Amino acid sequence: MASALTSRLLDVIEHDVLPLTEHAVADGNKVFGAALLHKSDLSLVIAGANDETANPLWHGEINTLRRFYELPEPPSTRDLVFLTTHEPCTLCMSAITWAGFDNYYYFYSHEDSRDTFAIPHDLVILKEVFGLDPGGYRRTNDFWTAYAIGDLIDEEPEPSRTRLRGQRDLIRSRYDALSMRYQKAKADNSIPLS
């Protein structure tokens, strides 16, 4: 099951979240996105991307949750996998918690957001507001467990690990291009923490 889950998470990022993120970045938004999948068969419920140019609270995860709750009959969050491209900020972690999810899986870490994407706000807020150093929050707690997709890839046996690393690298290259595009244009938007 772990191998199927890891592969499916990467497929959803590549084929469902990334295309939405490309459109979002073209509109001046950050590179963050998310998706919800059924635990039972890993089918996609909904995918979304950042829409901070419309509302600074519509981070990738929040905007995805907003759209999820607009569905005619959203399934129980306890039956879903929460997938996010970047380790959630405190706003998004809180939303995931309040919505009742018992998990989330992230592709990029907070440090990646800071170092690779030049978007350090997650770590700054964790430090300034909560006094937490990078990695200082509990990834397993009474509400949910957080999983780094990179760790799942590294735990895969060969030859699956090599294939998944190749897909991971392809996804990273697409995000690198999107990040460059966002950084070049971010002065043109009104996002408070761009």
N, C-alpha and C. Protein backbone atom coordinates (compact mmCIF):
# COMPACT_ATOMS: atom_id res chain seq x y z
N MET A 1 0.82 -1.20 0.00
CA MET A 1 0.00 0.00 0.00
C MET A 1 0.86 1.26 0.00
N ALA A 2 1.99 1.24 0.76
CA ALA A 2 2.83 2.44 0.84
C ALA A 2 3.35 2.84 -0.53
N SER A 3 3.76 1.87 -1.32
CA SER A 3 4.28 2.16 -2.65
C SER A 3 3.19 2.76 -3.54
N ALA A 4 2.00 2.19 -3.49
CA ALA A 4 0.89 2.71 -4.28
C ALA A 4 0.53 4.13 -3.83
N LEU A 5 0.55 4.38 -2.53
CA LEU A 5 0.22 5.70 -2.01
C LEU A 5 1.26 6.72 -2.48
N THR A 6 2.52 6.41 -2.33
CA THR A 6 3.57 7.34 -2.72
C THR A 6 3.49 7.67 -4.20
N SER A 7 3.32 6.65 -5.01
CA SER A 7 3.20 6.85 -6.45
C SER A 7 1.98 7.70 -6.79
N ARG A 8 0.88 7.43 -6.15
CA ARG A 8 -0.36 8.18 -6.42
C ARG A 8 -0.22 9.64 -6.00
N LEU A 9 0.41 9.90 -4.85
CA LEU A 9 0.59 11.27 -4.40
C LEU A 9 1.40 12.07 -5.42
N LEU A 10 2.46 11.47 -5.92
CA LEU A 10 3.27 12.16 -6.94
C LEU A 10 2.48 12.38 -8.22
N ASP A 11 1.69 11.37 -8.62
CA ASP A 11 0.87 11.52 -9.83
C ASP A 11 -0.13 12.67 -9.69
N VAL A 12 -0.75 12.79 -8.53
CA VAL A 12 -1.73 13.85 -8.32
C VAL A 12 -1.04 15.22 -8.35
N ILE A 13 0.11 15.33 -7.72
CA ILE A 13 0.84 16.61 -7.79
C ILE A 13 1.16 16.94 -9.25
N GLU A 14 1.71 15.97 -9.97
CA GLU A 14 2.14 16.22 -11.35
C GLU A 14 0.99 16.51 -12.30
N HIS A 15 -0.09 15.75 -12.20
CA HIS A 15 -1.14 15.83 -13.22
C HIS A 15 -2.37 16.65 -12.82
N ASP A 16 -2.57 16.86 -11.52
CA ASP A 16 -3.76 17.58 -11.08
C ASP A 16 -3.44 18.93 -10.43
N VAL A 17 -2.45 18.95 -9.54
CA VAL A 17 -2.14 20.18 -8.83
C VAL A 17 -1.26 21.12 -9.66
N LEU A 18 -0.23 20.58 -10.28
CA LEU A 18 0.69 21.43 -11.04
C LEU A 18 0.00 22.23 -12.15
N PRO A 19 -0.89 21.65 -12.94
CA PRO A 19 -1.57 22.46 -13.96
C PRO A 19 -2.36 23.64 -13.35
N LEU A 20 -3.00 23.42 -12.22
CA LEU A 20 -3.72 24.50 -11.54
C LEU A 20 -2.74 25.55 -11.02
N THR A 21 -1.61 25.09 -10.53
CA THR A 21 -0.59 26.00 -10.01
C THR A 21 0.01 26.84 -11.12
N GLU A 22 0.18 26.26 -12.29
CA GLU A 22 0.69 27.03 -13.42
C GLU A 22 -0.24 28.20 -13.74
N HIS A 23 -1.53 27.97 -13.73
CA HIS A 23 -2.50 29.04 -13.96
C HIS A 23 -2.47 30.06 -12.82
N ALA A 24 -2.35 29.57 -11.59
CA ALA A 24 -2.34 30.46 -10.44
C ALA A 24 -1.11 31.38 -10.47
N VAL A 25 0.04 30.82 -10.78
CA VAL A 25 1.26 31.63 -10.85
C VAL A 25 1.16 32.64 -11.99
N ALA A 26 0.56 32.25 -13.09
CA ALA A 26 0.36 33.19 -14.20
C ALA A 26 -0.50 34.38 -13.77
N ASP A 27 -1.35 34.17 -12.76
CA ASP A 27 -2.19 35.25 -12.22
C ASP A 27 -1.53 36.00 -11.07
N GLY A 28 -0.26 35.67 -10.76
CA GLY A 28 0.47 36.37 -9.72
C GLY A 28 0.50 35.70 -8.37
N ASN A 29 -0.02 34.47 -8.27
CA ASN A 29 -0.08 33.76 -6.99
C ASN A 29 1.18 32.94 -6.73
N LYS A 30 1.33 32.55 -5.47
CA LYS A 30 2.46 31.69 -5.08
C LYS A 30 2.29 30.29 -5.63
N VAL A 31 3.31 29.47 -5.43
CA VAL A 31 3.40 28.14 -6.05
C VAL A 31 2.76 27.03 -5.23
N PHE A 32 1.94 27.34 -4.26
CA PHE A 32 1.41 26.34 -3.35
C PHE A 32 0.09 25.75 -3.85
N GLY A 33 -0.10 24.45 -3.63
CA GLY A 33 -1.33 23.79 -4.01
C GLY A 33 -1.61 22.60 -3.12
N ALA A 34 -2.79 22.02 -3.30
CA ALA A 34 -3.19 20.90 -2.46
C ALA A 34 -4.22 20.04 -3.19
N ALA A 35 -4.48 18.87 -2.63
CA ALA A 35 -5.51 17.98 -3.18
C ALA A 35 -6.03 17.09 -2.06
N LEU A 36 -7.25 16.61 -2.25
CA LEU A 36 -7.87 15.68 -1.32
C LEU A 36 -8.18 14.41 -2.08
N LEU A 37 -7.84 13.26 -1.48
CA LEU A 37 -8.07 11.96 -2.11
C LEU A 37 -8.83 11.07 -1.14
N HIS A 38 -9.62 10.19 -1.69
CA HIS A 38 -10.28 9.17 -0.86
C HIS A 38 -9.23 8.19 -0.35
N LYS A 39 -9.26 7.88 0.94
CA LYS A 39 -8.35 6.88 1.50
C LYS A 39 -8.59 5.51 0.89
N SER A 40 -9.84 5.19 0.60
CA SER A 40 -10.21 3.84 0.17
C SER A 40 -9.58 3.44 -1.16
N ASP A 41 -9.56 4.34 -2.13
CA ASP A 41 -9.04 3.97 -3.45
C ASP A 41 -8.11 5.02 -4.05
N LEU A 42 -7.79 6.05 -3.26
CA LEU A 42 -6.89 7.14 -3.66
C LEU A 42 -7.38 7.92 -4.87
N SER A 43 -8.68 7.86 -5.12
CA SER A 43 -9.24 8.67 -6.20
C SER A 43 -9.29 10.13 -5.75
N LEU A 44 -9.18 11.01 -6.71
CA LEU A 44 -9.16 12.44 -6.44
C LEU A 44 -10.56 12.96 -6.12
N VAL A 45 -10.65 13.72 -5.04
CA VAL A 45 -11.89 14.41 -4.70
C VAL A 45 -11.84 15.81 -5.30
N ILE A 46 -10.75 16.52 -5.03
CA ILE A 46 -10.60 17.89 -5.53
C ILE A 46 -9.14 18.30 -5.43
N ALA A 47 -8.72 19.16 -6.32
CA ALA A 47 -7.38 19.75 -6.29
C ALA A 47 -7.54 21.25 -6.35
N GLY A 48 -6.57 21.97 -5.81
CA GLY A 48 -6.64 23.42 -5.83
C GLY A 48 -5.25 24.03 -5.77
N ALA A 49 -5.23 25.34 -5.94
CA ALA A 49 -3.97 26.08 -5.93
C ALA A 49 -4.17 27.39 -5.16
N ASN A 50 -3.09 28.04 -4.89
CA ASN A 50 -3.08 29.31 -4.19
C ASN A 50 -3.86 30.36 -4.97
N ASP A 51 -4.62 31.19 -4.26
CA ASP A 51 -5.36 32.28 -4.89
C ASP A 51 -5.30 33.53 -4.01
N GLU A 52 -4.09 33.83 -3.51
CA GLU A 52 -3.90 34.96 -2.61
C GLU A 52 -4.14 36.31 -3.27
N THR A 53 -4.08 36.39 -4.59
CA THR A 53 -4.35 37.67 -5.24
C THR A 53 -5.83 38.04 -5.11
N ALA A 54 -6.68 37.05 -4.93
CA ALA A 54 -8.11 37.32 -4.68
C ALA A 54 -8.37 37.56 -3.20
N ASN A 55 -7.66 36.83 -2.34
CA ASN A 55 -7.85 36.93 -0.89
C ASN A 55 -6.57 36.40 -0.25
N PRO A 56 -5.87 37.18 0.57
CA PRO A 56 -4.59 36.72 1.13
C PRO A 56 -4.70 35.49 2.03
N LEU A 57 -5.92 35.11 2.39
CA LEU A 57 -6.10 33.90 3.20
C LEU A 57 -6.24 32.65 2.34
N TRP A 58 -6.40 32.79 1.04
CA TRP A 58 -6.62 31.63 0.18
C TRP A 58 -5.31 31.00 -0.25
N HIS A 59 -4.59 30.51 0.75
CA HIS A 59 -3.39 29.72 0.49
C HIS A 59 -3.82 28.46 -0.27
N GLY A 60 -2.87 27.71 -0.79
CA GLY A 60 -3.23 26.52 -1.56
C GLY A 60 -4.14 25.57 -0.80
N GLU A 61 -3.83 25.33 0.46
CA GLU A 61 -4.63 24.41 1.26
C GLU A 61 -6.00 25.00 1.59
N ILE A 62 -6.01 26.28 1.96
CA ILE A 62 -7.26 26.93 2.34
C ILE A 62 -8.19 27.02 1.13
N ASN A 63 -7.65 27.39 -0.01
CA ASN A 63 -8.48 27.50 -1.21
C ASN A 63 -9.03 26.14 -1.62
N THR A 64 -8.24 25.10 -1.45
CA THR A 64 -8.72 23.75 -1.75
C THR A 64 -9.84 23.36 -0.78
N LEU A 65 -9.67 23.67 0.49
CA LEU A 65 -10.72 23.39 1.47
C LEU A 65 -11.98 24.20 1.18
N ARG A 66 -11.81 25.44 0.79
CA ARG A 66 -12.96 26.28 0.45
C ARG A 66 -13.77 25.63 -0.67
N ARG A 67 -13.07 25.21 -1.70
CA ARG A 67 -13.73 24.57 -2.84
C ARG A 67 -14.33 23.21 -2.45
N PHE A 68 -13.65 22.49 -1.56
CA PHE A 68 -14.15 21.20 -1.08
C PHE A 68 -15.50 21.37 -0.39
N TYR A 69 -15.60 22.39 0.47
CA TYR A 69 -16.85 22.59 1.20
C TYR A 69 -17.94 23.21 0.34
N GLU A 70 -17.63 23.60 -0.87
CA GLU A 70 -18.64 24.04 -1.83
C GLU A 70 -19.22 22.87 -2.63
N LEU A 71 -18.63 21.67 -2.49
CA LEU A 71 -19.17 20.49 -3.16
C LEU A 71 -20.57 20.21 -2.61
N PRO A 72 -21.47 19.66 -3.44
CA PRO A 72 -22.83 19.38 -2.97
C PRO A 72 -22.87 18.46 -1.75
N GLU A 73 -22.05 17.42 -1.74
CA GLU A 73 -22.01 16.50 -0.60
C GLU A 73 -20.57 16.09 -0.33
N PRO A 74 -19.79 16.96 0.33
CA PRO A 74 -18.41 16.59 0.59
C PRO A 74 -18.32 15.38 1.52
N PRO A 75 -17.41 14.45 1.22
CA PRO A 75 -17.25 13.30 2.11
C PRO A 75 -16.63 13.69 3.44
N SER A 76 -16.69 12.81 4.40
CA SER A 76 -16.07 13.05 5.70
C SER A 76 -14.56 13.21 5.54
N THR A 77 -14.01 14.20 6.21
CA THR A 77 -12.56 14.41 6.13
C THR A 77 -11.78 13.24 6.73
N ARG A 78 -12.39 12.49 7.62
CA ARG A 78 -11.71 11.32 8.20
C ARG A 78 -11.48 10.23 7.16
N ASP A 79 -12.20 10.30 6.04
CA ASP A 79 -12.06 9.32 4.97
C ASP A 79 -11.13 9.78 3.86
N LEU A 80 -10.43 10.89 4.11
CA LEU A 80 -9.63 11.50 3.05
C LEU A 80 -8.15 11.62 3.42
N VAL A 81 -7.35 11.64 2.38
CA VAL A 81 -5.92 11.96 2.47
C VAL A 81 -5.78 13.42 2.08
N PHE A 82 -5.06 14.19 2.89
CA PHE A 82 -4.79 15.59 2.57
C PHE A 82 -3.38 15.67 2.00
N LEU A 83 -3.27 16.09 0.76
CA LEU A 83 -1.99 16.22 0.06
C LEU A 83 -1.71 17.69 -0.16
N THR A 84 -0.51 18.12 0.19
CA THR A 84 -0.12 19.50 -0.02
C THR A 84 1.27 19.55 -0.65
N THR A 85 1.46 20.50 -1.54
CA THR A 85 2.75 20.57 -2.22
C THR A 85 3.84 21.06 -1.28
N HIS A 86 3.51 21.91 -0.34
CA HIS A 86 4.48 22.47 0.58
C HIS A 86 3.98 22.26 2.01
N GLU A 87 4.91 22.01 2.90
CA GLU A 87 4.56 21.82 4.31
C GLU A 87 3.70 23.01 4.76
N PRO A 88 2.54 22.77 5.31
CA PRO A 88 1.59 23.85 5.59
C PRO A 88 2.12 24.87 6.60
N CYS A 89 1.73 26.11 6.36
CA CYS A 89 2.00 27.17 7.33
C CYS A 89 1.05 26.99 8.52
N THR A 90 1.19 27.82 9.51
CA THR A 90 0.34 27.68 10.71
C THR A 90 -1.13 27.91 10.40
N LEU A 91 -1.44 28.83 9.49
CA LEU A 91 -2.84 29.04 9.09
C LEU A 91 -3.41 27.75 8.49
N CYS A 92 -2.67 27.15 7.58
CA CYS A 92 -3.16 25.96 6.90
C CYS A 92 -3.17 24.73 7.82
N MET A 93 -2.17 24.62 8.70
CA MET A 93 -2.19 23.54 9.68
C MET A 93 -3.44 23.64 10.55
N SER A 94 -3.76 24.86 10.95
CA SER A 94 -4.96 25.06 11.77
C SER A 94 -6.22 24.69 11.00
N ALA A 95 -6.29 25.08 9.74
CA ALA A 95 -7.47 24.75 8.93
C ALA A 95 -7.60 23.24 8.76
N ILE A 96 -6.50 22.55 8.52
CA ILE A 96 -6.51 21.10 8.39
C ILE A 96 -7.03 20.48 9.69
N THR A 97 -6.58 21.02 10.81
CA THR A 97 -7.01 20.53 12.12
C THR A 97 -8.49 20.79 12.35
N TRP A 98 -8.93 22.03 12.14
CA TRP A 98 -10.33 22.40 12.37
C TRP A 98 -11.27 21.64 11.44
N ALA A 99 -10.79 21.29 10.25
CA ALA A 99 -11.64 20.55 9.31
C ALA A 99 -11.74 19.06 9.68
N GLY A 100 -10.91 18.59 10.59
CA GLY A 100 -11.02 17.21 11.08
C GLY A 100 -10.18 16.18 10.35
N PHE A 101 -9.21 16.61 9.57
CA PHE A 101 -8.32 15.64 8.92
C PHE A 101 -7.41 15.00 9.96
N ASP A 102 -7.08 13.73 9.75
CA ASP A 102 -6.16 13.06 10.68
C ASP A 102 -4.78 12.86 10.06
N ASN A 103 -4.53 13.51 8.90
CA ASN A 103 -3.26 13.34 8.20
C ASN A 103 -3.02 14.49 7.26
N TYR A 104 -1.78 14.68 6.90
CA TYR A 104 -1.43 15.40 5.68
C TYR A 104 -0.07 14.93 5.20
N TYR A 105 0.11 14.98 3.89
CA TYR A 105 1.34 14.58 3.21
C TYR A 105 1.86 15.80 2.46
N TYR A 106 3.14 16.11 2.63
CA TYR A 106 3.70 17.29 1.95
C TYR A 106 4.91 16.92 1.12
N PHE A 107 5.07 17.64 0.00
CA PHE A 107 6.16 17.38 -0.95
C PHE A 107 7.41 18.19 -0.59
N TYR A 108 7.26 19.48 -0.37
CA TYR A 108 8.37 20.36 0.02
C TYR A 108 8.25 20.72 1.49
N SER A 109 9.40 20.88 2.15
CA SER A 109 9.43 21.25 3.57
C SER A 109 9.38 22.77 3.73
N HIS A 110 9.21 23.21 4.96
CA HIS A 110 9.29 24.65 5.26
C HIS A 110 10.65 25.20 4.83
N GLU A 111 11.70 24.43 5.08
CA GLU A 111 13.03 24.88 4.69
C GLU A 111 13.15 25.03 3.18
N ASP A 112 12.51 24.11 2.44
CA ASP A 112 12.47 24.24 0.98
C ASP A 112 11.76 25.52 0.57
N SER A 113 10.64 25.81 1.23
CA SER A 113 9.91 27.05 0.91
C SER A 113 10.81 28.26 1.10
N ARG A 114 11.58 28.25 2.17
CA ARG A 114 12.50 29.35 2.44
C ARG A 114 13.68 29.37 1.47
N ASP A 115 14.35 28.24 1.32
CA ASP A 115 15.63 28.20 0.61
C ASP A 115 15.48 28.07 -0.91
N THR A 116 14.56 27.25 -1.35
CA THR A 116 14.39 27.00 -2.78
C THR A 116 13.46 28.02 -3.41
N PHE A 117 12.43 28.43 -2.68
CA PHE A 117 11.39 29.28 -3.24
C PHE A 117 11.46 30.74 -2.78
N ALA A 118 12.40 31.05 -1.87
CA ALA A 118 12.54 32.41 -1.32
C ALA A 118 11.22 32.90 -0.72
N ILE A 119 10.51 31.99 -0.06
CA ILE A 119 9.26 32.32 0.63
C ILE A 119 9.43 31.81 2.08
N PRO A 120 10.03 32.64 2.94
CA PRO A 120 10.40 32.20 4.29
C PRO A 120 9.32 32.39 5.35
N HIS A 121 8.16 32.86 4.96
CA HIS A 121 7.17 33.31 5.95
C HIS A 121 6.74 32.23 6.93
N ASP A 122 6.64 30.97 6.47
CA ASP A 122 6.22 29.89 7.37
C ASP A 122 7.16 29.79 8.57
N LEU A 123 8.47 29.75 8.28
CA LEU A 123 9.44 29.61 9.36
C LEU A 123 9.52 30.87 10.22
N VAL A 124 9.39 32.03 9.60
CA VAL A 124 9.42 33.27 10.35
C VAL A 124 8.24 33.33 11.32
N ILE A 125 7.06 32.97 10.86
CA ILE A 125 5.88 32.99 11.73
C ILE A 125 6.01 31.96 12.85
N LEU A 126 6.47 30.75 12.51
CA LEU A 126 6.66 29.74 13.55
C LEU A 126 7.63 30.24 14.63
N LYS A 127 8.68 30.93 14.22
CA LYS A 127 9.67 31.42 15.18
C LYS A 127 9.16 32.64 15.94
N GLU A 128 8.63 33.64 15.23
CA GLU A 128 8.24 34.90 15.85
C GLU A 128 6.98 34.78 16.71
N VAL A 129 6.01 34.02 16.25
CA VAL A 129 4.74 33.93 16.98
C VAL A 129 4.76 32.82 18.02
N PHE A 130 5.33 31.66 17.64
CA PHE A 130 5.26 30.49 18.53
C PHE A 130 6.59 30.12 19.18
N GLY A 131 7.69 30.78 18.78
CA GLY A 131 8.99 30.48 19.36
C GLY A 131 9.54 29.13 18.94
N LEU A 132 9.12 28.64 17.77
CA LEU A 132 9.54 27.32 17.31
C LEU A 132 10.62 27.43 16.24
N ASP A 133 11.67 26.67 16.40
CA ASP A 133 12.70 26.57 15.37
C ASP A 133 12.20 25.67 14.26
N PRO A 134 12.87 25.70 13.08
CA PRO A 134 12.44 24.81 11.98
C PRO A 134 12.28 23.37 12.47
N GLY A 135 11.15 22.79 12.10
CA GLY A 135 10.87 21.42 12.51
C GLY A 135 10.37 21.31 13.93
N GLY A 136 10.08 22.43 14.59
CA GLY A 136 9.74 22.42 16.00
C GLY A 136 8.33 22.00 16.36
N TYR A 137 7.45 21.90 15.38
CA TYR A 137 6.10 21.46 15.72
C TYR A 137 6.04 19.93 15.71
N ARG A 138 5.04 19.37 16.36
CA ARG A 138 4.93 17.92 16.48
C ARG A 138 4.20 17.35 15.26
N ARG A 139 4.89 16.56 14.47
CA ARG A 139 4.32 15.99 13.25
C ARG A 139 3.35 14.85 13.55
N THR A 140 3.41 14.34 14.75
CA THR A 140 2.41 13.39 15.22
C THR A 140 1.84 13.97 16.51
N ASN A 141 0.53 14.16 16.52
CA ASN A 141 -0.12 14.76 17.68
C ASN A 141 -1.53 14.19 17.79
N ASP A 142 -2.31 14.70 18.70
CA ASP A 142 -3.67 14.17 18.92
C ASP A 142 -4.62 14.42 17.76
N PHE A 143 -4.25 15.31 16.85
CA PHE A 143 -5.14 15.66 15.74
C PHE A 143 -4.78 14.94 14.44
N TRP A 144 -3.51 14.94 14.09
CA TRP A 144 -3.09 14.39 12.80
C TRP A 144 -1.63 13.95 12.84
N THR A 145 -1.25 13.26 11.79
CA THR A 145 0.15 12.91 11.56
C THR A 145 0.55 13.50 10.21
N ALA A 146 1.71 14.14 10.18
CA ALA A 146 2.23 14.73 8.95
C ALA A 146 3.32 13.81 8.39
N TYR A 147 3.31 13.66 7.08
CA TYR A 147 4.26 12.78 6.41
C TYR A 147 4.97 13.54 5.30
N ALA A 148 6.29 13.44 5.28
CA ALA A 148 7.09 14.02 4.20
C ALA A 148 7.15 13.00 3.05
N ILE A 149 6.72 13.40 1.88
CA ILE A 149 6.72 12.49 0.73
C ILE A 149 8.14 12.05 0.41
N GLY A 150 9.11 12.94 0.60
CA GLY A 150 10.51 12.56 0.37
C GLY A 150 10.94 11.38 1.23
N ASP A 151 10.47 11.34 2.49
CA ASP A 151 10.79 10.20 3.37
C ASP A 151 10.14 8.92 2.85
N LEU A 152 8.90 9.04 2.36
CA LEU A 152 8.22 7.86 1.81
C LEU A 152 8.97 7.33 0.59
N ILE A 153 9.45 8.23 -0.25
CA ILE A 153 10.22 7.80 -1.43
C ILE A 153 11.49 7.08 -0.99
N ASP A 154 12.20 7.65 -0.02
CA ASP A 154 13.46 7.04 0.43
C ASP A 154 13.25 5.67 1.07
N GLU A 155 12.07 5.40 1.59
CA GLU A 155 11.78 4.11 2.23
C GLU A 155 11.36 3.04 1.23
N GLU A 156 11.14 3.42 -0.02
CA GLU A 156 10.70 2.46 -1.04
C GLU A 156 11.84 1.52 -1.41
N PRO A 157 11.51 0.27 -1.70
CA PRO A 157 12.53 -0.65 -2.20
C PRO A 157 12.84 -0.35 -3.67
N GLU A 158 13.97 -0.80 -4.12
CA GLU A 158 14.30 -0.67 -5.55
C GLU A 158 13.51 -1.72 -6.32
N PRO A 159 13.17 -1.51 -7.54
CA PRO A 159 13.49 -0.36 -8.40
C PRO A 159 12.48 0.78 -8.26
N SER A 160 11.49 0.60 -7.40
CA SER A 160 10.46 1.62 -7.23
C SER A 160 11.05 2.94 -6.78
N ARG A 161 12.02 2.90 -5.87
CA ARG A 161 12.62 4.13 -5.34
C ARG A 161 13.23 4.97 -6.46
N THR A 162 13.96 4.34 -7.36
CA THR A 162 14.59 5.07 -8.46
C THR A 162 13.55 5.70 -9.36
N ARG A 163 12.49 4.97 -9.66
CA ARG A 163 11.41 5.51 -10.50
C ARG A 163 10.75 6.71 -9.83
N LEU A 164 10.45 6.58 -8.54
CA LEU A 164 9.80 7.67 -7.81
C LEU A 164 10.72 8.87 -7.67
N ARG A 165 12.00 8.65 -7.50
CA ARG A 165 12.95 9.77 -7.44
C ARG A 165 13.00 10.50 -8.77
N GLY A 166 12.91 9.77 -9.85
CA GLY A 166 12.87 10.40 -11.17
C GLY A 166 11.64 11.28 -11.33
N GLN A 167 10.50 10.77 -10.89
CA GLN A 167 9.27 11.56 -10.96
C GLN A 167 9.36 12.77 -10.04
N ARG A 168 9.91 12.57 -8.84
CA ARG A 168 10.12 13.69 -7.90
C ARG A 168 10.97 14.77 -8.55
N ASP A 169 12.04 14.39 -9.23
CA ASP A 169 12.93 15.36 -9.84
C ASP A 169 12.25 16.10 -10.99
N LEU A 170 11.42 15.42 -11.74
CA LEU A 170 10.65 16.06 -12.81
C LEU A 170 9.70 17.11 -12.22
N ILE A 171 9.02 16.75 -11.15
CA ILE A 171 8.11 17.68 -10.47
C ILE A 171 8.89 18.88 -9.95
N ARG A 172 10.04 18.62 -9.34
CA ARG A 172 10.87 19.71 -8.81
C ARG A 172 11.29 20.68 -9.92
N SER A 173 11.64 20.15 -11.08
CA SER A 173 12.07 21.04 -12.16
C SER A 173 10.93 21.94 -12.62
N ARG A 174 9.73 21.41 -12.64
CA ARG A 174 8.57 22.24 -13.01
C ARG A 174 8.29 23.31 -11.96
N TYR A 175 8.43 22.94 -10.68
CA TYR A 175 8.24 23.93 -9.63
C TYR A 175 9.35 24.98 -9.63
N ASP A 176 10.57 24.59 -9.97
CA ASP A 176 11.67 25.56 -10.07
C ASP A 176 11.32 26.64 -11.09
N ALA A 177 10.80 26.22 -12.24
CA ALA A 177 10.43 27.18 -13.29
C ALA A 177 9.29 28.08 -12.81
N LEU A 178 8.30 27.50 -12.13
CA LEU A 178 7.19 28.30 -11.60
C LEU A 178 7.67 29.29 -10.55
N SER A 179 8.60 28.87 -9.72
CA SER A 179 9.13 29.75 -8.69
C SER A 179 9.84 30.95 -9.31
N MET A 180 10.63 30.71 -10.33
CA MET A 180 11.31 31.81 -11.01
C MET A 180 10.29 32.79 -11.59
N ARG A 181 9.25 32.25 -12.16
CA ARG A 181 8.20 33.10 -12.75
C ARG A 181 7.51 33.93 -11.66
N TYR A 182 7.18 33.29 -10.54
CA TYR A 182 6.55 34.01 -9.44
C TYR A 182 7.47 35.11 -8.90
N GLN A 183 8.74 34.77 -8.65
CA GLN A 183 9.67 35.74 -8.07
C GLN A 183 9.84 36.96 -8.98
N LYS A 184 9.86 36.75 -10.29
CA LYS A 184 10.02 37.87 -11.22
C LYS A 184 8.82 38.81 -11.20
N ALA A 185 7.64 38.27 -10.93
CA ALA A 185 6.41 39.07 -11.04
C ALA A 185 5.80 39.46 -9.69
N LYS A 186 6.36 39.00 -8.58
CA LYS A 186 5.67 39.20 -7.30
C LYS A 186 5.53 40.67 -6.88
N ALA A 187 6.38 41.52 -7.36
CA ALA A 187 6.25 42.94 -7.03
C ALA A 187 5.00 43.55 -7.64
N ASP A 188 4.43 42.87 -8.62
CA ASP A 188 3.24 43.39 -9.30
C ASP A 188 1.94 43.01 -8.63
N ASN A 189 2.00 42.19 -7.56
CA ASN A 189 0.75 41.79 -6.89
C ASN A 189 0.62 42.49 -5.55
N SER A 190 -0.51 42.29 -4.91
CA SER A 190 -0.76 42.96 -3.63
C SER A 190 -0.81 41.99 -2.46
N ILE A 191 -0.20 40.82 -2.61
CA ILE A 191 -0.17 39.84 -1.51
C ILE A 191 0.64 40.43 -0.36
N PRO A 192 0.09 40.50 0.86
CA PRO A 192 0.82 41.10 1.98
C PRO A 192 2.18 40.47 2.25
N LEU A 193 2.27 39.18 2.27
CA LEU A 193 3.55 38.50 2.51
C LEU A 193 3.97 37.81 1.22
N SER A 194 4.45 38.59 0.27
CA SER A 194 4.88 38.00 -1.00
C SER A 194 6.33 37.67 -0.90
